[in-house]
N, C-alpha and C. Protein backbone atom coordinates (compact mmCIF):
# COMPACT_ATOMS: atom_id res chain seq x y z
N UNK A 1 133.59 15.08 -14.20
CA UNK A 1 134.72 15.25 -13.30
C UNK A 1 134.47 16.39 -12.31
N UNK A 2 133.72 17.39 -12.74
CA UNK A 2 133.44 18.52 -11.85
C UNK A 2 132.46 18.13 -10.74
N UNK A 3 131.62 17.13 -10.98
CA UNK A 3 130.60 16.73 -10.02
C UNK A 3 131.17 15.76 -8.99
N UNK A 4 131.88 14.75 -9.45
CA UNK A 4 132.38 13.69 -8.58
C UNK A 4 133.82 14.00 -8.16
N UNK A 5 133.96 15.05 -7.38
CA UNK A 5 135.27 15.49 -6.92
C UNK A 5 135.83 14.49 -5.90
N UNK A 6 137.12 14.55 -5.61
CA UNK A 6 137.66 13.66 -4.57
C UNK A 6 136.94 13.80 -3.23
N UNK A 7 136.52 15.00 -2.87
CA UNK A 7 135.80 15.18 -1.59
C UNK A 7 134.44 14.49 -1.62
N UNK A 8 133.73 14.58 -2.75
CA UNK A 8 132.43 13.91 -2.87
C UNK A 8 132.63 12.40 -2.83
N UNK A 9 133.61 11.89 -3.55
CA UNK A 9 133.88 10.45 -3.55
C UNK A 9 134.25 9.96 -2.16
N UNK A 10 134.97 10.76 -1.41
CA UNK A 10 135.33 10.37 -0.03
C UNK A 10 134.08 10.29 0.84
N UNK A 11 133.12 11.21 0.66
CA UNK A 11 131.87 11.15 1.42
C UNK A 11 131.06 9.92 1.03
N UNK A 12 131.04 9.60 -0.24
CA UNK A 12 130.31 8.42 -0.72
C UNK A 12 130.87 7.16 -0.09
N UNK A 13 132.18 7.07 0.05
CA UNK A 13 132.84 5.85 0.54
C UNK A 13 132.97 5.79 2.06
N UNK A 14 132.49 6.81 2.75
CA UNK A 14 132.60 6.86 4.21
C UNK A 14 131.56 5.94 4.85
N UNK A 15 132.00 4.78 5.30
CA UNK A 15 131.11 3.79 5.90
C UNK A 15 130.53 4.26 7.23
N UNK A 16 131.24 5.15 7.92
CA UNK A 16 130.81 5.56 9.26
C UNK A 16 129.55 6.41 9.23
N UNK A 17 129.16 6.93 8.06
CA UNK A 17 127.99 7.80 7.98
C UNK A 17 126.76 7.12 7.37
N UNK A 18 126.81 5.82 7.16
CA UNK A 18 125.68 5.11 6.55
C UNK A 18 124.46 5.03 7.46
N UNK A 19 124.68 4.87 8.77
CA UNK A 19 123.58 4.73 9.72
C UNK A 19 122.53 3.72 9.25
N UNK A 20 122.97 2.49 8.92
CA UNK A 20 122.01 1.53 8.38
C UNK A 20 121.05 1.00 9.45
N UNK A 21 119.87 0.65 9.00
CA UNK A 21 118.93 -0.08 9.85
C UNK A 21 118.27 -1.15 8.99
N UNK A 22 117.85 -2.22 9.66
CA UNK A 22 117.36 -3.40 8.96
C UNK A 22 116.07 -3.86 9.62
N UNK A 23 115.08 -4.16 8.79
CA UNK A 23 113.80 -4.67 9.27
C UNK A 23 113.58 -6.02 8.58
N UNK A 24 113.73 -7.13 9.33
CA UNK A 24 113.56 -8.45 8.71
C UNK A 24 112.12 -8.67 8.24
N UNK A 25 112.02 -9.28 7.07
CA UNK A 25 110.72 -9.68 6.53
C UNK A 25 110.77 -11.16 6.18
N UNK A 26 109.74 -11.66 5.56
CA UNK A 26 109.68 -13.07 5.15
C UNK A 26 110.49 -13.25 3.87
N UNK A 27 111.73 -13.71 4.00
CA UNK A 27 112.58 -13.94 2.84
C UNK A 27 113.28 -12.71 2.30
N UNK A 28 113.26 -11.62 3.04
CA UNK A 28 113.94 -10.40 2.62
C UNK A 28 114.21 -9.55 3.85
N UNK A 29 115.00 -8.51 3.65
CA UNK A 29 115.25 -7.52 4.70
C UNK A 29 115.00 -6.14 4.12
N UNK A 30 114.18 -5.35 4.80
CA UNK A 30 114.03 -3.96 4.39
C UNK A 30 115.21 -3.19 4.96
N UNK A 31 115.86 -2.42 4.12
CA UNK A 31 117.10 -1.73 4.47
C UNK A 31 116.89 -0.22 4.35
N UNK A 32 117.46 0.51 5.30
CA UNK A 32 117.48 1.97 5.27
C UNK A 32 118.91 2.42 5.52
N UNK A 33 119.37 3.43 4.79
CA UNK A 33 120.69 4.00 5.04
C UNK A 33 120.71 5.46 4.61
N UNK A 34 121.62 6.22 5.22
CA UNK A 34 121.76 7.63 4.86
C UNK A 34 122.62 7.73 3.62
N UNK A 35 122.10 8.45 2.63
CA UNK A 35 122.87 8.68 1.41
C UNK A 35 123.67 9.96 1.58
N UNK A 36 122.99 11.05 1.78
CA UNK A 36 123.66 12.33 2.01
C UNK A 36 123.17 12.87 3.34
N UNK A 37 124.11 13.33 4.15
CA UNK A 37 123.78 13.78 5.50
C UNK A 37 124.12 15.26 5.64
N UNK A 38 123.09 16.09 5.67
CA UNK A 38 123.30 17.52 5.87
C UNK A 38 124.02 18.24 4.76
N UNK A 39 124.06 17.64 3.55
CA UNK A 39 124.78 18.29 2.45
C UNK A 39 124.02 18.26 1.13
N UNK A 40 122.82 17.66 1.12
CA UNK A 40 122.05 17.52 -0.11
C UNK A 40 121.39 18.85 -0.49
N UNK A 41 121.46 19.16 -1.78
CA UNK A 41 120.85 20.37 -2.32
C UNK A 41 119.88 19.98 -3.42
N UNK A 42 118.71 20.63 -3.45
CA UNK A 42 117.77 20.39 -4.54
C UNK A 42 116.77 21.52 -4.61
N UNK A 43 116.12 21.61 -5.74
CA UNK A 43 115.07 22.59 -5.93
C UNK A 43 113.74 21.88 -6.12
N UNK A 44 112.67 22.55 -5.73
CA UNK A 44 111.34 21.98 -5.91
C UNK A 44 110.98 21.93 -7.39
N UNK A 45 110.15 20.94 -7.75
CA UNK A 45 109.71 20.78 -9.13
C UNK A 45 108.37 21.46 -9.39
N UNK A 46 107.80 22.01 -8.35
CA UNK A 46 106.49 22.67 -8.47
C UNK A 46 106.45 23.84 -7.49
N UNK A 47 105.49 24.73 -7.68
CA UNK A 47 105.38 25.85 -6.75
C UNK A 47 105.33 25.36 -5.32
N UNK A 48 105.98 26.01 -4.38
CA UNK A 48 106.44 27.39 -4.42
C UNK A 48 107.87 27.57 -4.91
N UNK A 49 108.46 26.58 -5.59
CA UNK A 49 109.77 26.70 -6.21
C UNK A 49 110.87 27.06 -5.24
N UNK A 50 110.90 26.42 -4.12
CA UNK A 50 111.91 26.69 -3.12
C UNK A 50 113.19 25.91 -3.44
N UNK A 51 114.32 26.42 -3.02
CA UNK A 51 115.60 25.74 -3.14
C UNK A 51 116.00 25.27 -1.74
N UNK A 52 116.38 24.00 -1.64
CA UNK A 52 116.75 23.41 -0.36
C UNK A 52 118.25 23.14 -0.35
N UNK A 53 118.90 23.53 0.71
CA UNK A 53 120.33 23.26 0.86
C UNK A 53 120.58 22.64 2.23
N UNK A 54 121.60 21.80 2.29
CA UNK A 54 121.98 21.21 3.55
C UNK A 54 121.03 20.14 4.07
N UNK A 55 120.33 19.46 3.16
CA UNK A 55 119.36 18.44 3.57
C UNK A 55 119.99 17.06 3.72
N UNK A 56 119.19 16.14 4.21
CA UNK A 56 119.59 14.74 4.37
C UNK A 56 118.68 13.87 3.53
N UNK A 57 119.26 12.88 2.86
CA UNK A 57 118.51 11.91 2.07
C UNK A 57 118.73 10.54 2.69
N UNK A 58 117.63 9.89 3.03
CA UNK A 58 117.67 8.53 3.59
C UNK A 58 117.01 7.59 2.58
N UNK A 59 117.73 6.55 2.23
CA UNK A 59 117.30 5.62 1.18
C UNK A 59 116.70 4.36 1.79
N UNK A 60 115.64 3.87 1.18
CA UNK A 60 114.97 2.63 1.57
C UNK A 60 115.11 1.62 0.43
N UNK A 61 115.22 0.37 0.79
CA UNK A 61 115.26 -0.68 -0.23
C UNK A 61 114.94 -2.04 0.35
N UNK A 62 114.93 -3.04 -0.54
CA UNK A 62 114.69 -4.42 -0.15
C UNK A 62 115.90 -5.25 -0.54
N UNK A 63 116.43 -6.02 0.42
CA UNK A 63 117.58 -6.87 0.16
C UNK A 63 117.17 -8.33 0.29
N UNK A 64 117.58 -9.11 -0.69
CA UNK A 64 117.35 -10.55 -0.68
C UNK A 64 118.67 -11.27 -0.84
N UNK A 65 118.76 -12.45 -0.24
CA UNK A 65 120.00 -13.24 -0.24
C UNK A 65 119.69 -14.63 -0.78
N UNK A 66 120.51 -15.15 -1.68
CA UNK A 66 120.25 -16.49 -2.21
C UNK A 66 120.40 -17.56 -1.14
N UNK A 67 119.78 -18.70 -1.41
CA UNK A 67 119.99 -19.86 -0.54
C UNK A 67 121.42 -20.36 -0.76
N UNK A 68 122.00 -20.95 0.26
CA UNK A 68 123.37 -21.46 0.15
C UNK A 68 124.29 -20.76 1.12
N UNK A 69 125.56 -21.12 1.01
CA UNK A 69 126.52 -20.64 2.00
C UNK A 69 127.26 -19.38 1.58
N UNK A 70 127.36 -19.10 0.29
CA UNK A 70 128.07 -17.90 -0.17
C UNK A 70 129.55 -17.98 0.10
N UNK A 71 130.28 -16.89 -0.01
CA UNK A 71 129.77 -15.54 -0.29
C UNK A 71 129.28 -15.40 -1.73
N UNK A 72 128.35 -14.46 -1.90
CA UNK A 72 127.69 -14.25 -3.18
C UNK A 72 128.05 -12.87 -3.75
N UNK A 73 128.08 -12.75 -5.08
CA UNK A 73 128.18 -11.40 -5.65
C UNK A 73 126.93 -10.62 -5.26
N UNK A 74 127.04 -9.31 -5.22
CA UNK A 74 125.92 -8.46 -4.81
C UNK A 74 125.69 -7.37 -5.85
N UNK A 75 124.43 -7.04 -6.05
CA UNK A 75 124.06 -6.04 -7.04
C UNK A 75 123.01 -5.08 -6.48
N UNK A 76 123.20 -3.81 -6.79
CA UNK A 76 122.22 -2.76 -6.46
C UNK A 76 121.31 -2.62 -7.68
N UNK A 77 120.01 -2.62 -7.44
CA UNK A 77 119.03 -2.51 -8.52
C UNK A 77 118.30 -1.17 -8.39
N UNK A 78 118.34 -0.39 -9.44
CA UNK A 78 117.60 0.87 -9.48
C UNK A 78 116.27 0.67 -10.18
N UNK A 79 115.43 1.67 -10.10
CA UNK A 79 114.12 1.63 -10.75
C UNK A 79 114.06 2.70 -11.82
N UNK A 80 113.06 2.59 -12.67
CA UNK A 80 112.85 3.59 -13.70
C UNK A 80 112.13 4.82 -13.18
N UNK A 81 111.95 5.77 -14.08
CA UNK A 81 111.30 7.03 -13.77
C UNK A 81 109.91 6.78 -13.18
N UNK A 82 109.65 7.33 -12.01
CA UNK A 82 108.37 7.19 -11.35
C UNK A 82 108.21 5.91 -10.56
N UNK A 83 109.26 5.12 -10.43
CA UNK A 83 109.17 3.84 -9.74
C UNK A 83 109.68 3.91 -8.31
N UNK A 84 109.88 2.72 -7.75
CA UNK A 84 110.44 2.59 -6.41
C UNK A 84 111.02 1.19 -6.29
N UNK A 85 111.63 0.89 -5.15
CA UNK A 85 112.25 -0.42 -4.92
C UNK A 85 111.23 -1.53 -5.18
N UNK A 86 111.71 -2.61 -5.78
CA UNK A 86 110.83 -3.72 -6.14
C UNK A 86 111.28 -5.00 -5.44
N UNK A 87 110.51 -5.45 -4.47
CA UNK A 87 110.83 -6.66 -3.73
C UNK A 87 110.82 -7.88 -4.65
N UNK A 88 109.82 -8.01 -5.50
CA UNK A 88 109.74 -9.18 -6.38
C UNK A 88 110.95 -9.28 -7.30
N UNK A 89 111.41 -8.14 -7.83
CA UNK A 89 112.59 -8.16 -8.69
C UNK A 89 113.82 -8.58 -7.90
N UNK A 90 113.96 -8.09 -6.68
CA UNK A 90 115.09 -8.50 -5.84
C UNK A 90 115.06 -10.00 -5.59
N UNK A 91 113.88 -10.56 -5.39
CA UNK A 91 113.76 -12.01 -5.18
C UNK A 91 114.19 -12.79 -6.42
N UNK A 92 113.81 -12.32 -7.59
CA UNK A 92 114.20 -12.99 -8.84
C UNK A 92 115.72 -12.96 -9.01
N UNK A 93 116.32 -11.81 -8.76
CA UNK A 93 117.77 -11.68 -8.90
C UNK A 93 118.49 -12.59 -7.90
N UNK A 94 117.96 -12.68 -6.68
CA UNK A 94 118.55 -13.58 -5.67
C UNK A 94 118.46 -15.03 -6.12
N UNK A 95 117.41 -15.39 -6.83
CA UNK A 95 117.26 -16.76 -7.32
C UNK A 95 118.36 -17.12 -8.32
N UNK A 96 118.97 -16.11 -8.93
CA UNK A 96 120.09 -16.33 -9.85
C UNK A 96 121.44 -16.32 -9.14
N UNK A 97 121.43 -16.22 -7.80
CA UNK A 97 122.66 -16.34 -7.04
C UNK A 97 123.32 -15.04 -6.62
N UNK A 98 122.58 -13.96 -6.60
CA UNK A 98 123.11 -12.66 -6.21
C UNK A 98 122.42 -12.15 -4.94
N UNK A 99 123.18 -11.50 -4.07
CA UNK A 99 122.55 -10.67 -3.05
C UNK A 99 122.03 -9.46 -3.81
N UNK A 100 120.76 -9.17 -3.68
CA UNK A 100 120.14 -8.09 -4.44
C UNK A 100 119.60 -7.03 -3.49
N UNK A 101 119.92 -5.77 -3.78
CA UNK A 101 119.39 -4.64 -3.03
C UNK A 101 118.69 -3.71 -4.01
N UNK A 102 117.36 -3.78 -4.02
CA UNK A 102 116.55 -2.91 -4.86
C UNK A 102 116.26 -1.65 -4.05
N UNK A 103 116.73 -0.49 -4.54
CA UNK A 103 116.60 0.76 -3.79
C UNK A 103 115.56 1.68 -4.42
N UNK A 104 114.95 2.48 -3.57
CA UNK A 104 114.09 3.58 -4.02
C UNK A 104 114.93 4.84 -4.08
N UNK A 105 114.77 5.62 -5.13
CA UNK A 105 115.48 6.88 -5.24
C UNK A 105 114.94 7.89 -4.23
N UNK A 106 115.55 9.07 -4.18
CA UNK A 106 115.07 10.10 -3.26
C UNK A 106 113.57 10.36 -3.44
N UNK A 107 112.87 10.53 -2.35
CA UNK A 107 111.43 10.82 -2.32
C UNK A 107 110.58 9.75 -2.99
N UNK A 108 111.14 8.57 -3.26
CA UNK A 108 110.36 7.48 -3.87
C UNK A 108 110.25 6.35 -2.85
N UNK A 109 109.19 5.56 -2.95
CA UNK A 109 109.01 4.45 -2.01
C UNK A 109 109.10 4.96 -0.59
N UNK A 110 109.94 4.29 0.22
CA UNK A 110 110.13 4.69 1.60
C UNK A 110 111.32 5.61 1.82
N UNK A 111 111.92 6.13 0.74
CA UNK A 111 113.05 7.04 0.87
C UNK A 111 112.57 8.44 1.20
N UNK A 112 113.38 9.19 1.94
CA UNK A 112 112.99 10.54 2.34
C UNK A 112 114.09 11.53 1.98
N UNK A 113 113.68 12.77 1.77
CA UNK A 113 114.62 13.84 1.46
C UNK A 113 114.98 13.86 -0.02
N UNK A 114 115.45 14.99 -0.47
CA UNK A 114 115.90 15.15 -1.84
C UNK A 114 114.80 15.56 -2.79
N UNK A 115 115.17 15.68 -4.07
CA UNK A 115 114.19 16.12 -5.06
C UNK A 115 113.18 15.03 -5.38
N UNK A 116 112.02 15.44 -5.85
CA UNK A 116 111.02 14.49 -6.29
C UNK A 116 111.42 13.95 -7.67
N UNK A 117 110.91 12.77 -7.99
CA UNK A 117 111.18 12.11 -9.26
C UNK A 117 110.23 12.65 -10.32
N UNK A 118 110.55 13.84 -10.83
CA UNK A 118 109.74 14.48 -11.86
C UNK A 118 110.62 14.79 -13.07
N UNK A 119 109.97 15.07 -14.20
CA UNK A 119 110.74 15.43 -15.39
C UNK A 119 111.63 16.64 -15.12
N UNK A 120 111.09 17.62 -14.42
CA UNK A 120 111.86 18.83 -14.11
C UNK A 120 113.09 18.50 -13.27
N UNK A 121 112.92 17.68 -12.23
CA UNK A 121 114.03 17.37 -11.33
C UNK A 121 115.07 16.48 -12.01
N UNK A 122 114.66 15.62 -12.94
CA UNK A 122 115.62 14.73 -13.61
C UNK A 122 116.66 15.54 -14.37
N UNK A 123 116.25 16.63 -14.95
CA UNK A 123 117.17 17.38 -15.82
C UNK A 123 117.75 18.62 -15.16
N UNK A 124 117.41 18.88 -13.93
CA UNK A 124 117.88 20.09 -13.25
C UNK A 124 119.40 20.12 -13.16
N UNK A 125 119.98 21.20 -13.64
CA UNK A 125 121.42 21.42 -13.49
C UNK A 125 121.69 22.82 -12.95
N UNK A 126 120.64 23.51 -12.56
CA UNK A 126 120.78 24.86 -12.03
C UNK A 126 120.37 24.88 -10.56
N UNK A 127 121.07 25.50 -9.69
CA UNK A 127 122.27 26.28 -9.96
C UNK A 127 123.52 25.43 -10.24
N UNK A 128 123.45 24.11 -9.98
CA UNK A 128 124.55 23.21 -10.36
C UNK A 128 123.99 21.80 -10.49
N UNK A 129 124.78 20.90 -11.07
CA UNK A 129 124.33 19.54 -11.35
C UNK A 129 123.94 18.76 -10.10
N UNK A 130 124.49 19.13 -8.96
CA UNK A 130 124.18 18.38 -7.73
C UNK A 130 122.81 18.75 -7.14
N UNK A 131 121.99 19.49 -7.88
CA UNK A 131 120.63 19.80 -7.47
C UNK A 131 119.62 18.86 -8.12
N UNK A 132 120.02 18.06 -9.10
CA UNK A 132 119.09 17.23 -9.86
C UNK A 132 118.84 15.86 -9.26
N UNK A 133 117.71 15.27 -9.63
CA UNK A 133 117.33 13.94 -9.15
C UNK A 133 118.36 12.90 -9.55
N UNK A 134 118.80 12.93 -10.80
CA UNK A 134 119.73 11.89 -11.26
C UNK A 134 121.05 11.92 -10.49
N UNK A 135 121.51 13.09 -10.13
CA UNK A 135 122.72 13.18 -9.30
C UNK A 135 122.50 12.46 -7.98
N UNK A 136 121.41 12.77 -7.30
CA UNK A 136 121.16 12.18 -5.98
C UNK A 136 120.87 10.68 -6.08
N UNK A 137 120.25 10.24 -7.17
CA UNK A 137 119.98 8.82 -7.37
C UNK A 137 121.28 8.06 -7.63
N UNK A 138 122.16 8.63 -8.44
CA UNK A 138 123.48 8.01 -8.67
C UNK A 138 124.27 7.96 -7.37
N UNK A 139 124.22 9.03 -6.61
CA UNK A 139 124.90 9.09 -5.31
C UNK A 139 124.39 7.97 -4.40
N UNK A 140 123.07 7.79 -4.37
CA UNK A 140 122.47 6.74 -3.54
C UNK A 140 122.93 5.35 -3.98
N UNK A 141 123.03 5.13 -5.29
CA UNK A 141 123.52 3.85 -5.79
C UNK A 141 124.95 3.57 -5.36
N UNK A 142 125.77 4.60 -5.39
CA UNK A 142 127.17 4.43 -4.95
C UNK A 142 127.23 4.21 -3.45
N UNK A 143 126.36 4.89 -2.70
CA UNK A 143 126.32 4.66 -1.25
C UNK A 143 125.85 3.24 -0.94
N UNK A 144 124.98 2.68 -1.77
CA UNK A 144 124.54 1.30 -1.59
C UNK A 144 125.73 0.34 -1.77
N UNK A 145 126.62 0.64 -2.70
CA UNK A 145 127.84 -0.17 -2.84
C UNK A 145 128.70 -0.06 -1.59
N UNK A 146 128.79 1.13 -1.03
CA UNK A 146 129.54 1.32 0.22
C UNK A 146 128.89 0.50 1.33
N UNK A 147 127.56 0.45 1.34
CA UNK A 147 126.85 -0.38 2.33
C UNK A 147 127.22 -1.85 2.15
N UNK A 148 127.22 -2.34 0.93
CA UNK A 148 127.64 -3.73 0.67
C UNK A 148 129.04 -3.99 1.23
N UNK A 149 129.96 -3.08 0.96
CA UNK A 149 131.33 -3.25 1.47
C UNK A 149 131.35 -3.30 2.99
N UNK A 150 130.59 -2.42 3.62
CA UNK A 150 130.54 -2.38 5.09
C UNK A 150 129.94 -3.66 5.64
N UNK A 151 128.87 -4.15 5.02
CA UNK A 151 128.24 -5.39 5.49
C UNK A 151 129.17 -6.59 5.32
N UNK A 152 129.87 -6.63 4.19
CA UNK A 152 130.80 -7.74 3.94
C UNK A 152 131.95 -7.74 4.94
N UNK A 153 132.36 -6.55 5.37
CA UNK A 153 133.48 -6.44 6.32
C UNK A 153 133.02 -6.59 7.77
N UNK A 154 131.71 -6.61 7.99
CA UNK A 154 131.17 -6.70 9.35
C UNK A 154 131.32 -8.08 9.95
N UNK A 155 131.12 -8.14 11.24
CA UNK A 155 131.27 -9.39 11.99
C UNK A 155 130.37 -10.47 11.40
N UNK A 156 130.99 -11.54 10.94
CA UNK A 156 130.26 -12.69 10.43
C UNK A 156 129.66 -12.54 9.05
N UNK A 157 129.76 -11.35 8.44
CA UNK A 157 129.22 -11.11 7.10
C UNK A 157 127.83 -11.76 6.98
N UNK A 158 126.84 -11.28 7.75
CA UNK A 158 125.55 -11.97 7.88
C UNK A 158 124.78 -12.13 6.56
N UNK A 159 125.03 -11.27 5.58
CA UNK A 159 124.33 -11.39 4.30
C UNK A 159 125.17 -12.14 3.26
N UNK A 160 126.34 -12.63 3.67
CA UNK A 160 127.23 -13.46 2.84
C UNK A 160 127.60 -12.78 1.52
N UNK A 161 128.03 -11.53 1.61
CA UNK A 161 128.38 -10.71 0.45
C UNK A 161 129.85 -10.89 0.12
N UNK A 162 130.15 -11.10 -1.16
CA UNK A 162 131.51 -11.14 -1.66
C UNK A 162 131.89 -9.72 -2.06
N UNK A 163 132.67 -9.05 -1.21
CA UNK A 163 133.01 -7.63 -1.44
C UNK A 163 133.81 -7.41 -2.72
N UNK A 164 134.38 -8.47 -3.28
CA UNK A 164 135.14 -8.34 -4.52
C UNK A 164 134.28 -8.45 -5.77
N UNK A 165 132.98 -8.69 -5.60
CA UNK A 165 132.07 -8.83 -6.75
C UNK A 165 130.79 -8.05 -6.50
N UNK A 166 130.88 -6.73 -6.75
CA UNK A 166 129.77 -5.82 -6.51
C UNK A 166 129.40 -5.12 -7.81
N UNK A 167 128.13 -4.81 -7.99
CA UNK A 167 127.71 -4.09 -9.19
C UNK A 167 126.42 -3.33 -8.97
N UNK A 168 126.12 -2.49 -9.97
CA UNK A 168 124.88 -1.71 -9.97
C UNK A 168 124.17 -1.97 -11.27
């Protein structure tokens, strides 16, 4: 409750700050969006042990859409420790009838900004919990849900997302 304050939740749900961009591929779309803009804090996991405040985290992922007319339920797919967005997994999930967005966590895959995906960063709670990798990764997952809502509400709903059926 101390981490996900009403102010933080309002920033997560703010569609106007997503700054999405899309790069079409063969049967998928590479997606980029801003997770945290000028407010991300993290510490380095290795020397020189610097603390970063006021940074921006931009998330990269792969989105796939099932064949058919939709609208379809949509799901955000995370990766395990040391991983990144998986296009093949997104394709498999889409084959089951879901719009799938496989995202890379901070500093993973094509994502930029934030802490590195290391054992040290996963458990960091000093000087506060919002300095750790898991905090920023959870934040990115929630921002991906906000992206789904924004896309579903957009003109023509081009990815055929059912905004009432979203998950992570």
